[in-house]
Amino acid sequence: MNKSKRLMVLAIVAAAPACWSVARAGTPTPPCSGSSGLLGLLDRPTVGDSSCVVPEGMTVIEAGATAGNVYGSPGGQIDTLPNLELRWGLPGNSEFVWLPPNYQYQSLNAGAQGPAQTIHGFGPTTIGIKHSLGYTEHWQWTAEALATLPSGDTTFGSHGVGGAVNGIVSYGNGPFGVSLMVGVTSETEPTAVGGQRFQSFNPDLVVTWAATSRLQFYGEVYGQSHAGYGLGWGSDFDGGLQYLLNPDFEVDLEEGVRLQGQLGGFSNYTGVGLGLLL
């Protein structure tokens, strides 16, 4: 090896530790980490899911209850609980999610469409996988696939297998954050109303603002190109706040309103809930 080549090799060897230090220093902090990370990690209380995945070996538990008014039935009530979602962190920046059946209660007043009635029952079970595709200092990209099982009762369940594929991109800078989820779904109506299958395109936009390290406000607008079989566009708005009691325990309050169509079947609702990181 001639003198010039030896000098080049020595220079590379000498510079390697410094280059490694610079590269490590420039590696962005993982999203939804730190003492306030749970605020961004939780899927609830928004309809759109978080772009963050549960850290490997950890578990997130989310639950809540909503009480609202039925659209098109003045005085009618619609309540759901426990809105449970269980998420487990997997290797490779992924997570597994399980949404057990929700219990739903509806009371409808007598009107032009028929007599007063009360109906109640359980919705379907959903499972899925979420995977973080990558992130920078301010951006994160995530993919998600969900499967709805033919489950639940005839009134509120799923007659057949359903599926959803979502892409999520989020941006955060200081206290401000914005997330866009775009997905497509194929699902079936409950057996009691015919069990017909329909497909839908589903956009969802969430904006957040962290007032303090513990308190975060949010607003969300979302829609579906088909709110149900034979129905057109439906869209809703919700907003509220999340508060960290400690880095692993969150509580939240939300209010939602119908914008157009019959998405969700409500005219407005109020919800409360919590999230735990274990």
Protein backbone atom coordinates (compact mmCIF):
# COMPACT_ATOMS: atom_id res chain seq x y z
CA MET A 1 0.00 0.00 0.00
CA ASN A 2 1.53 3.33 -0.99
CA LYS A 3 1.88 6.28 1.35
CA SER A 4 -1.17 8.21 0.08
CA LYS A 5 -3.47 5.20 0.50
CA ARG A 6 -2.16 4.57 4.03
CA LEU A 7 -2.87 8.19 4.95
CA MET A 8 -6.42 7.92 3.55
CA VAL A 9 -7.15 4.74 5.54
CA LEU A 10 -5.78 6.33 8.73
CA ALA A 11 -7.93 9.41 8.16
CA ILE A 12 -11.09 7.33 7.68
CA VAL A 13 -10.37 5.28 10.81
CA ALA A 14 -9.70 8.42 12.83
CA ALA A 15 -12.87 10.14 11.59
CA ALA A 16 -15.20 7.14 12.06
CA PRO A 17 -15.99 7.73 15.77
CA ALA A 18 -16.78 11.38 15.11
CA CYS A 19 -19.04 10.51 12.15
CA TRP A 20 -20.85 7.89 14.24
CA SER A 21 -21.43 10.42 17.02
CA VAL A 22 -22.85 12.95 14.56
CA ALA A 23 -25.14 10.33 13.00
CA ARG A 24 -26.41 9.24 16.39
CA ALA A 25 -26.91 12.84 17.49
CA GLY A 26 -28.97 13.47 14.34
CA THR A 27 -31.27 10.46 14.83
CA PRO A 28 -34.77 11.85 15.52
CA THR A 29 -36.46 11.01 18.80
CA PRO A 30 -39.08 8.26 18.37
CA PRO A 31 -42.59 9.75 18.06
CA CYS A 32 -44.92 9.57 21.06
CA SER A 33 -42.08 9.06 23.51
CA GLY A 34 -41.23 10.99 26.66
CA SER A 35 -43.38 12.08 29.57
CA SER A 36 -46.19 13.39 27.32
CA GLY A 37 -45.98 10.62 24.74
CA LEU A 38 -49.21 8.89 25.77
CA LEU A 39 -51.24 11.86 24.49
CA GLY A 40 -50.10 11.09 20.94
CA LEU A 41 -49.94 7.32 21.29
CA LEU A 42 -53.62 6.79 22.10
CA ASP A 43 -56.14 6.10 19.33
CA ARG A 44 -59.03 7.51 21.37
CA PRO A 45 -60.85 9.79 21.71
CA THR A 46 -60.63 10.48 17.97
CA VAL A 47 -62.19 8.27 15.30
CA GLY A 48 -58.90 8.43 13.39
CA ASP A 49 -56.12 6.22 14.74
CA SER A 50 -52.75 7.47 15.95
CA SER A 51 -49.77 7.18 13.60
CA CYS A 52 -47.75 5.89 16.58
CA VAL A 53 -47.44 2.22 17.50
CA VAL A 54 -47.23 0.77 21.00
CA PRO A 55 -43.58 0.18 22.05
CA GLU A 56 -42.48 -3.45 21.85
CA GLY A 57 -43.43 -5.45 24.94
CA MET A 58 -45.91 -2.85 26.23
CA THR A 59 -49.72 -2.73 26.30
CA VAL A 60 -52.22 0.08 25.86
CA ILE A 61 -55.77 -0.15 27.21
CA GLU A 62 -58.37 2.37 26.05
CA ALA A 63 -62.01 2.57 27.14
CA GLY A 64 -64.88 5.01 27.36
CA ALA A 65 -68.62 5.65 27.16
CA THR A 66 -70.76 7.91 24.97
CA ALA A 67 -74.29 9.22 25.35
CA GLY A 68 -76.05 10.99 22.50
CA ASN A 69 -79.21 11.84 20.60
CA VAL A 70 -80.48 9.75 17.69
CA TYR A 71 -80.58 11.58 14.35
CA GLY A 72 -84.09 11.81 12.91
CA SER A 73 -85.78 10.85 16.19
CA PRO A 74 -86.28 13.88 18.47
CA GLY A 75 -85.80 12.79 22.05
CA GLY A 76 -84.26 9.47 21.03
CA GLN A 77 -81.15 8.33 22.92
CA ILE A 78 -78.11 6.33 21.81
CA ASP A 79 -75.47 5.11 24.31
CA THR A 80 -72.40 2.92 23.81
CA LEU A 81 -69.82 1.37 26.13
CA PRO A 82 -67.13 0.30 26.98
CA ASN A 83 -65.56 1.31 23.62
CA LEU A 84 -62.69 -0.95 24.62
CA GLU A 85 -59.48 -1.16 22.56
CA LEU A 86 -56.50 -3.34 23.52
CA ARG A 87 -53.14 -2.84 21.78
CA TRP A 88 -49.90 -4.80 22.15
CA GLY A 89 -46.47 -3.65 20.97
CA LEU A 90 -44.74 -6.09 18.60
CA PRO A 91 -41.19 -6.26 17.19
CA GLY A 92 -40.43 -4.28 14.04
CA ASN A 93 -42.33 -1.07 14.89
CA SER A 94 -45.69 -2.86 14.79
CA GLU A 95 -48.65 -3.53 17.06
CA PHE A 96 -51.62 -5.88 17.31
CA VAL A 97 -55.03 -4.41 18.12
CA TRP A 98 -58.24 -6.03 19.38
CA LEU A 99 -61.56 -4.21 19.65
CA PRO A 100 -64.04 -6.37 21.61
CA PRO A 101 -67.81 -5.91 21.06
CA ASN A 102 -69.44 -2.72 22.29
CA TYR A 103 -72.80 -2.72 24.02
CA GLN A 104 -75.23 -0.28 22.41
CA TYR A 105 -78.55 0.96 23.76
CA GLN A 106 -81.09 2.96 21.75
CA SER A 107 -84.46 4.38 22.74
CA LEU A 108 -86.65 5.85 20.01
CA ASN A 109 -89.68 8.04 20.65
CA ALA A 110 -92.98 7.45 18.88
CA GLY A 111 -93.27 9.47 15.68
CA ALA A 112 -94.42 9.47 12.09
CA GLN A 113 -92.11 6.54 11.33
CA GLY A 114 -93.54 4.22 13.96
CA PRO A 115 -94.13 3.53 17.67
CA ALA A 116 -91.68 4.10 20.49
CA GLN A 117 -89.18 1.30 20.97
CA THR A 118 -86.05 0.32 22.83
CA ILE A 119 -83.33 -1.80 21.24
CA HIS A 120 -79.99 -2.94 22.60
CA GLY A 121 -77.24 -5.43 21.86
CA PHE A 122 -73.58 -6.02 21.02
CA GLY A 123 -71.57 -4.93 18.01
CA PRO A 124 -68.89 -6.93 16.19
CA THR A 125 -65.31 -7.84 17.08
CA THR A 126 -62.40 -6.27 15.16
CA ILE A 127 -58.72 -7.23 15.06
CA GLY A 128 -55.82 -5.70 13.18
CA ILE A 129 -52.17 -4.82 12.68
CA LYS A 130 -50.54 -1.39 12.57
CA HIS A 131 -46.99 -0.78 11.32
CA SER A 132 -44.87 2.38 11.40
CA LEU A 133 -43.23 2.79 7.99
CA GLY A 134 -40.80 5.50 9.13
CA TYR A 135 -40.42 8.90 10.74
CA THR A 136 -38.35 12.08 10.80
CA GLU A 137 -38.12 14.88 13.34
CA HIS A 138 -41.60 16.15 12.41
CA TRP A 139 -43.24 13.51 10.18
CA GLN A 140 -44.41 9.90 10.55
CA TRP A 141 -45.98 7.44 8.07
CA THR A 142 -48.00 4.43 9.17
CA ALA A 143 -50.07 1.64 7.56
CA GLU A 144 -52.92 -0.26 9.19
CA ALA A 145 -55.09 -3.26 8.27
CA LEU A 146 -58.22 -4.25 10.20
CA ALA A 147 -60.60 -7.21 9.93
CA THR A 148 -64.15 -7.20 11.31
CA LEU A 149 -65.36 -10.68 12.15
CA PRO A 150 -68.91 -11.92 11.46
CA SER A 151 -69.92 -11.42 15.08
CA GLY A 152 -72.19 -9.52 17.43
CA ASP A 153 -75.96 -9.83 17.55
CA THR A 154 -78.43 -9.49 14.70
CA THR A 155 -79.27 -5.86 15.54
CA PHE A 156 -75.82 -4.28 15.87
CA GLY A 157 -73.36 -6.94 14.72
CA SER A 158 -71.66 -7.66 11.39
CA HIS A 159 -73.42 -10.14 9.10
CA GLY A 160 -70.21 -11.04 7.26
CA VAL A 161 -66.46 -10.44 7.28
CA GLY A 162 -65.41 -6.81 6.89
CA GLY A 163 -62.05 -5.19 6.26
CA ALA A 164 -60.29 -1.83 6.29
CA VAL A 165 -56.94 -0.59 5.02
CA ASN A 166 -55.71 2.79 6.29
CA GLY A 167 -52.75 5.02 5.58
CA ILE A 168 -51.84 7.58 8.26
CA VAL A 169 -49.45 10.52 7.97
CA SER A 170 -48.84 12.94 10.85
CA TYR A 171 -46.89 16.15 11.39
CA GLY A 172 -45.84 17.68 14.70
CA ASN A 173 -43.94 20.85 15.53
CA GLY A 174 -43.90 22.10 19.11
CA PRO A 175 -47.39 22.18 20.60
CA PHE A 176 -49.08 21.88 17.19
CA GLY A 177 -49.91 18.60 15.46
CA VAL A 178 -51.96 17.43 12.50
CA SER A 179 -52.79 13.91 11.32
CA LEU A 180 -54.49 12.68 8.15
CA MET A 181 -55.88 9.15 7.86
CA VAL A 182 -57.25 7.92 4.54
CA GLY A 183 -58.77 4.47 4.20
CA VAL A 184 -61.09 2.15 2.32
CA THR A 185 -63.51 -0.30 3.89
CA SER A 186 -65.74 -3.18 2.91
CA GLU A 187 -68.32 -4.07 5.53
CA THR A 188 -71.78 -5.55 5.99
CA GLU A 189 -74.92 -4.28 7.64
CA PRO A 190 -76.36 -6.14 10.67
CA THR A 191 -78.39 -9.24 9.85
CA ALA A 192 -81.64 -7.67 11.11
CA VAL A 193 -81.58 -5.04 8.33
CA GLY A 194 -80.52 -7.38 5.55
CA GLY A 195 -76.77 -7.85 6.01
CA GLN A 196 -75.93 -6.17 2.68
CA ARG A 197 -72.31 -5.39 1.85
CA PHE A 198 -71.08 -1.91 0.95
CA GLN A 199 -67.73 -0.24 0.31
CA SER A 200 -66.58 3.20 1.40
CA PHE A 201 -63.77 5.75 1.08
CA ASN A 202 -62.99 7.32 4.47
CA PRO A 203 -60.96 10.52 5.03
CA ASP A 204 -60.18 11.77 8.55
CA LEU A 205 -58.33 14.94 9.65
CA VAL A 206 -57.25 15.63 13.25
CA VAL A 207 -55.62 18.83 14.59
CA THR A 208 -54.11 18.95 18.10
CA TRP A 209 -52.69 21.68 20.31
CA ALA A 210 -50.82 20.98 23.56
CA ALA A 211 -51.62 23.74 26.04
CA THR A 212 -49.24 22.22 28.61
CA SER A 213 -47.20 19.03 28.92
CA ARG A 214 -50.31 17.37 30.43
CA LEU A 215 -53.24 19.01 28.63
CA GLN A 216 -54.03 18.65 24.92
CA PHE A 217 -56.99 19.93 22.89
CA TYR A 218 -58.09 18.45 19.60
CA GLY A 219 -60.58 18.87 16.76
CA GLU A 220 -61.50 16.29 14.12
CA VAL A 221 -63.58 16.11 10.97
CA TYR A 222 -64.17 12.78 9.26
CA GLY A 223 -66.46 11.19 6.69
CA GLN A 224 -67.45 8.15 4.66
CA SER A 225 -68.47 8.11 1.01
CA HIS A 226 -71.17 5.60 2.02
CA ALA A 227 -72.51 5.91 5.57
CA GLY A 228 -74.31 2.57 5.10
CA TYR A 229 -75.84 0.34 2.45
CA GLY A 230 -77.77 2.52 -0.03
CA LEU A 231 -76.62 5.73 1.71
CA GLY A 232 -74.39 8.50 0.39
CA TRP A 233 -71.80 10.67 2.10
CA GLY A 234 -71.89 11.14 5.83
CA SER A 235 -69.58 13.36 7.89
CA ASP A 236 -69.20 14.32 11.54
CA PHE A 237 -67.11 16.63 13.72
CA ASP A 238 -65.79 16.05 17.22
CA GLY A 239 -63.51 17.89 19.58
CA GLY A 240 -62.38 17.77 23.17
CA LEU A 241 -59.45 17.48 25.52
CA GLN A 242 -57.04 14.92 26.93
CA TYR A 243 -55.35 15.20 30.32
CA LEU A 244 -52.46 13.17 31.73
CA LEU A 245 -52.87 12.25 35.38
CA ASN A 246 -49.37 10.77 35.10
CA PRO A 247 -47.23 9.67 32.12
CA ASP A 248 -49.07 6.30 31.94
CA PHE A 249 -52.68 7.34 32.68
CA GLU A 250 -54.87 9.63 30.55
CA VAL A 251 -58.48 10.81 30.84
CA ASP A 252 -60.48 12.58 28.13
CA LEU A 253 -63.70 14.41 27.36
CA GLU A 254 -65.27 14.81 23.91
CA GLU A 255 -68.27 16.26 22.12
CA GLY A 256 -69.38 15.15 18.66
CA VAL A 257 -71.94 16.52 16.19
CA ARG A 258 -73.39 15.38 12.87
CA LEU A 259 -72.42 17.50 9.85
CA GLN A 260 -74.28 15.69 7.06
CA GLY A 261 -75.79 12.32 6.25
CA GLN A 262 -76.36 9.52 8.76
CA LEU A 263 -72.83 8.49 9.73
CA GLY A 264 -72.95 7.02 13.25
CA GLY A 265 -76.74 7.47 13.53
CA PHE A 266 -76.48 10.40 15.98
CA SER A 267 -77.16 14.12 15.87
CA ASN A 268 -74.74 14.81 18.73
CA TYR A 269 -73.05 12.97 21.61
CA THR A 270 -70.86 13.45 24.69
CA GLY A 271 -68.13 11.00 25.64
CA VAL A 272 -65.66 10.34 28.44
CA GLY A 273 -62.83 7.86 28.57
CA LEU A 274 -59.35 6.88 29.65
CA GLY A 275 -56.12 5.38 28.39
CA LEU A 276 -53.48 3.31 30.20
CA LEU A 277 -49.93 2.37 29.20
CA LEU A 278 -48.70 -0.81 30.89
